[in-house]
């Protein structure tokens, strides 16, 4: 099996995992940069993530143009992915979702911050991107490259960002890493809302987050991936951690 074959198989599996873990539902998507062409990425045709098969995966330019659509309809918000890949060469996979617990943090201004060690993967802070700041009243969808590029600028060097009244974006270096971050971002948001009802929260310190980020890698991602594959009814493939 080639590197590309492995990537595309994992991309299908990632869609199933994100659906099973309730990070995506009928909407939301995950993409991966082409392993041999930095100016291309793969994303499914417009379909619910839990239904996606290998033949649904399409190749795109960074401007969001299908390379060979073959009659398949792409997601409207493919520009999120293309713009982030264009702006961030170190990013190789992107998730956009509307997981329910993150939504309140994007509309209240309450900072979403890591409070659990496994959730430190989200980074120190999660900025909020508001489409209305530059584009006024819209249907809230990132429907062209101008909006995608503005979102990428709002994301900056961070791993994650909230979209006001819409959801979030998550970036990573591998499919397994980005799935890990997306799942634990939703968990942190849920736990933070629970903890807020009990009293003041002692969040992870900046130093703690740095040490956790430095020590969390392929072993953790593989361990979670294997578990989530079992839950989603998918084969995990080769484990990469050492």
Protein backbone atom coordinates (compact mmCIF):
# COMPACT_ATOMS: atom_id res chain seq x y z
CA UNK A 1 0.00 0.00 0.00
CA UNK A 2 1.36 3.42 -0.95
CA UNK A 3 1.64 6.44 1.37
CA UNK A 4 -1.27 8.00 -0.51
CA UNK A 5 -3.42 4.88 -0.12
CA UNK A 6 -2.75 4.84 3.63
CA UNK A 7 -3.59 8.53 3.91
CA UNK A 8 -6.90 8.16 2.08
CA UNK A 9 -7.90 5.11 4.12
CA UNK A 10 -7.16 7.03 7.32
CA UNK A 11 -9.17 9.98 6.04
CA UNK A 12 -12.23 7.75 5.63
CA UNK A 13 -11.65 6.29 9.08
CA UNK A 14 -11.24 9.75 10.60
CA UNK A 15 -14.66 10.77 9.27
CA UNK A 16 -16.22 7.70 10.88
CA UNK A 17 -14.44 8.30 14.20
CA UNK A 18 -15.44 11.95 14.39
CA UNK A 19 -19.05 10.93 13.74
CA UNK A 20 -18.95 8.13 16.31
CA UNK A 21 -17.43 10.44 18.93
CA UNK A 22 -20.12 13.07 18.17
CA UNK A 23 -17.69 15.74 17.04
CA UNK A 24 -19.50 15.87 13.68
CA UNK A 25 -23.06 14.88 12.81
CA UNK A 26 -24.61 15.28 9.36
CA UNK A 27 -22.30 18.24 8.86
CA UNK A 28 -18.59 18.95 9.34
CA UNK A 29 -15.53 17.66 7.50
CA UNK A 30 -11.89 16.67 7.71
CA UNK A 31 -9.23 17.08 5.02
CA UNK A 32 -5.61 16.06 4.51
CA UNK A 33 -2.84 17.65 2.48
CA UNK A 34 -1.54 15.57 -0.43
CA UNK A 35 1.59 13.73 0.81
CA UNK A 36 3.45 14.42 -2.45
CA UNK A 37 2.03 17.81 -3.50
CA UNK A 38 1.91 20.64 -0.98
CA UNK A 39 -0.44 22.56 -3.29
CA UNK A 40 -3.21 19.94 -3.18
CA UNK A 41 -5.46 18.45 -0.52
CA UNK A 42 -8.10 15.74 -0.18
CA UNK A 43 -11.63 16.23 1.13
CA UNK A 44 -14.81 14.24 0.66
CA UNK A 45 -17.63 15.25 -1.62
CA UNK A 46 -20.56 16.85 0.18
CA UNK A 47 -21.79 13.95 2.28
CA UNK A 48 -22.46 13.18 5.94
CA UNK A 49 -19.15 12.07 7.54
CA UNK A 50 -20.46 8.73 8.80
CA UNK A 51 -21.42 7.77 5.22
CA UNK A 52 -18.12 8.60 3.51
CA UNK A 53 -16.34 5.94 1.45
CA UNK A 54 -13.00 6.00 -0.38
CA UNK A 55 -14.63 6.92 -3.70
CA UNK A 56 -16.14 10.04 -2.13
CA UNK A 57 -12.69 11.58 -1.57
CA UNK A 58 -11.81 14.39 -4.00
CA UNK A 59 -8.55 16.16 -4.74
CA UNK A 60 -8.51 19.99 -4.62
CA UNK A 61 -6.14 22.85 -5.34
CA UNK A 62 -5.46 25.24 -2.47
CA UNK A 63 -7.99 27.62 -4.07
CA UNK A 64 -10.69 25.02 -3.47
CA UNK A 65 -11.04 23.93 -7.10
CA UNK A 66 -11.69 20.21 -7.72
CA UNK A 67 -8.98 18.52 -9.78
CA UNK A 68 -11.37 15.92 -11.22
CA UNK A 69 -14.89 16.30 -9.85
CA UNK A 70 -16.47 13.56 -12.01
CA UNK A 71 -19.91 14.95 -11.23
CA UNK A 72 -19.39 14.92 -7.46
CA UNK A 73 -20.59 17.98 -5.53
CA UNK A 74 -17.96 19.40 -3.13
CA UNK A 75 -18.55 20.94 0.29
CA UNK A 76 -19.20 24.68 0.07
CA UNK A 77 -16.76 25.32 2.93
CA UNK A 78 -13.78 23.66 1.28
CA UNK A 79 -12.22 27.15 1.32
CA UNK A 80 -11.59 26.78 5.06
CA UNK A 81 -9.20 23.95 4.29
CA UNK A 82 -7.51 25.46 1.25
CA UNK A 83 -6.86 28.80 2.93
CA UNK A 84 -5.36 27.20 6.04
CA UNK A 85 -3.06 24.97 3.98
CA UNK A 86 -2.04 28.02 1.95
CA UNK A 87 -1.22 30.05 5.07
CA UNK A 88 0.32 27.33 7.26
CA UNK A 89 2.84 25.01 5.52
CA UNK A 90 3.27 22.99 8.74
CA UNK A 91 -0.41 21.99 8.78
CA UNK A 92 -1.21 18.72 7.03
CA UNK A 93 -4.78 18.11 8.16
CA UNK A 94 -7.78 20.27 9.09
CA UNK A 95 -11.12 19.58 10.81
CA UNK A 96 -14.13 21.88 10.68
CA UNK A 97 -17.03 20.93 12.94
CA UNK A 98 -19.94 22.24 14.95
CA UNK A 99 -19.52 20.12 18.10
CA UNK A 100 -22.19 21.35 20.52
CA UNK A 101 -20.13 22.17 23.60
CA UNK A 102 -17.78 24.57 21.80
CA UNK A 103 -20.58 26.77 20.45
CA UNK A 104 -21.33 28.70 23.69
CA UNK A 105 -17.69 29.79 23.97
CA UNK A 106 -17.83 31.36 20.52
CA UNK A 107 -20.85 33.54 21.31
CA UNK A 108 -20.30 34.58 24.94
CA UNK A 109 -16.66 35.64 24.94
CA UNK A 110 -15.92 33.20 27.76
CA UNK A 111 -12.41 31.92 27.09
CA UNK A 112 -12.07 28.24 26.27
CA UNK A 113 -8.92 27.13 28.11
CA UNK A 114 -7.40 23.72 28.87
CA UNK A 115 -8.30 22.31 32.29
CA UNK A 116 -7.49 18.60 31.80
CA UNK A 117 -4.09 17.21 30.86
CA UNK A 118 -5.30 15.37 27.75
CA UNK A 119 -7.01 18.56 26.59
CA UNK A 120 -3.78 20.60 26.58
CA UNK A 121 -3.43 19.51 22.93
CA UNK A 122 -5.81 22.38 22.07
CA UNK A 123 -3.05 24.86 22.91
CA UNK A 124 -2.87 27.79 25.28
CA UNK A 125 -5.80 29.73 23.90
CA UNK A 126 -8.59 29.41 21.36
CA UNK A 127 -9.30 32.66 19.49
CA UNK A 128 -12.75 33.58 18.19
CA UNK A 129 -13.14 34.48 14.52
CA UNK A 130 -16.26 36.53 13.75
CA UNK A 131 -17.21 36.62 10.06
CA UNK A 132 -19.31 39.71 10.70
CA UNK A 133 -16.26 41.81 11.58
CA UNK A 134 -15.19 41.99 7.94
CA UNK A 135 -18.02 40.54 5.88
CA UNK A 136 -21.12 41.86 7.67
CA UNK A 137 -24.30 39.81 7.64
CA UNK A 138 -23.73 36.47 5.91
CA UNK A 139 -25.25 32.99 6.07
CA UNK A 140 -22.36 32.21 8.47
CA UNK A 141 -20.68 29.82 6.00
CA UNK A 142 -17.09 30.27 4.81
CA UNK A 143 -18.08 30.31 1.17
CA UNK A 144 -15.05 31.74 -0.67
CA UNK A 145 -11.30 32.18 -0.41
CA UNK A 146 -11.55 35.73 0.94
CA UNK A 147 -13.41 34.45 3.98
CA UNK A 148 -11.14 31.42 4.27
CA UNK A 149 -8.02 33.57 4.24
CA UNK A 150 -9.45 35.92 6.84
CA UNK A 151 -10.20 32.91 9.06
CA UNK A 152 -6.65 31.60 8.54
CA UNK A 153 -5.28 34.98 9.65
CA UNK A 154 -7.49 34.86 12.75
CA UNK A 155 -6.21 31.36 13.53
CA UNK A 156 -2.62 32.57 13.25
CA UNK A 157 -0.10 30.29 14.92
CA UNK A 158 -2.72 28.60 17.11
CA UNK A 159 -3.93 25.04 16.64
CA UNK A 160 -7.63 25.76 17.05
CA UNK A 161 -10.12 28.59 16.61
CA UNK A 162 -13.82 29.15 17.24
CA UNK A 163 -16.14 30.54 14.60
CA UNK A 164 -18.74 32.80 16.19
CA UNK A 165 -22.20 31.23 15.87
CA UNK A 166 -20.84 28.44 13.72
CA UNK A 167 -18.34 26.01 15.22
CA UNK A 168 -14.58 25.59 15.18
CA UNK A 169 -11.50 24.66 13.16
CA UNK A 170 -8.76 22.32 14.34
CA UNK A 171 -5.37 21.84 12.68
CA UNK A 172 -2.69 19.20 13.01
CA UNK A 173 0.36 17.57 11.51
CA UNK A 174 -1.27 14.17 11.02
CA UNK A 175 -4.80 12.80 10.73
CA UNK A 176 -4.47 10.97 14.05
CA UNK A 177 -3.27 14.11 15.81
CA UNK A 178 -6.05 16.34 14.48
CA UNK A 179 -8.73 13.80 15.41
CA UNK A 180 -7.24 13.63 18.91
CA UNK A 181 -7.32 17.42 19.26
CA UNK A 182 -10.87 17.71 17.90
CA UNK A 183 -12.23 15.08 20.29
CA UNK A 184 -10.51 16.57 23.34
CA UNK A 185 -11.47 20.14 22.40
CA UNK A 186 -15.12 19.12 22.62
CA UNK A 187 -14.47 17.26 25.89
CA UNK A 188 -12.71 20.29 27.41
CA UNK A 189 -15.60 22.56 26.44
CA UNK A 190 -18.10 20.21 28.06
CA UNK A 191 -16.06 19.82 31.24
CA UNK A 192 -15.42 23.57 31.46
CA UNK A 193 -19.15 24.32 31.35
CA UNK A 194 -19.73 21.72 34.06
CA UNK A 195 -16.94 23.09 36.23
CA UNK A 196 -18.14 26.70 35.80
CA UNK A 197 -21.40 25.75 37.52
CA UNK A 198 -19.45 24.51 40.55
CA UNK A 199 -17.14 27.47 41.15
CA UNK A 200 -13.87 29.00 40.06
CA UNK A 201 -11.71 26.86 37.79
CA UNK A 202 -8.00 26.33 38.21
CA UNK A 203 -6.90 25.94 34.59
CA UNK A 204 -3.63 24.37 33.49
CA UNK A 205 -0.75 26.80 33.76
CA UNK A 206 1.19 27.94 30.69
CA UNK A 207 4.15 25.85 31.83
CA UNK A 208 1.99 22.77 32.31
CA UNK A 209 0.51 23.16 28.83
CA UNK A 210 3.99 23.48 27.33
CA UNK A 211 5.24 20.34 29.05
CA UNK A 212 2.17 18.35 28.06
CA UNK A 213 2.47 19.49 24.44
CA UNK A 214 6.13 18.49 24.41
CA UNK A 215 5.41 15.01 25.80
CA UNK A 216 2.27 14.15 23.81
CA UNK A 217 2.95 12.48 20.49
CA UNK A 218 2.39 9.47 18.29
CA UNK A 219 2.10 6.99 21.17
CA UNK A 220 -0.87 8.85 22.63
CA UNK A 221 -2.43 9.48 19.23
CA UNK A 222 -2.11 5.79 18.26
CA UNK A 223 -3.56 4.61 21.56
CA UNK A 224 -6.63 6.80 21.17
CA UNK A 225 -6.90 6.04 17.44
CA UNK A 226 -6.97 2.27 18.06
CA UNK A 227 -9.72 2.67 20.66
CA UNK A 228 -11.80 4.99 18.49
CA UNK A 229 -11.38 2.69 15.47
CA UNK A 230 -12.81 -0.19 17.52
CA UNK A 231 -15.78 1.97 18.50
CA UNK A 232 -16.33 3.06 14.89
CA UNK A 233 -15.99 -0.46 13.45
CA UNK A 234 -12.85 0.37 11.45
CA UNK A 235 -9.44 -1.30 11.26
CA UNK A 236 -6.77 0.93 12.87
CA UNK A 237 -3.97 0.12 10.43
CA UNK A 238 -0.32 0.17 11.43
CA UNK A 239 0.56 1.90 14.70
CA UNK A 240 3.17 4.60 14.20
CA UNK A 241 4.16 5.39 17.80
CA UNK A 242 7.51 4.32 19.22
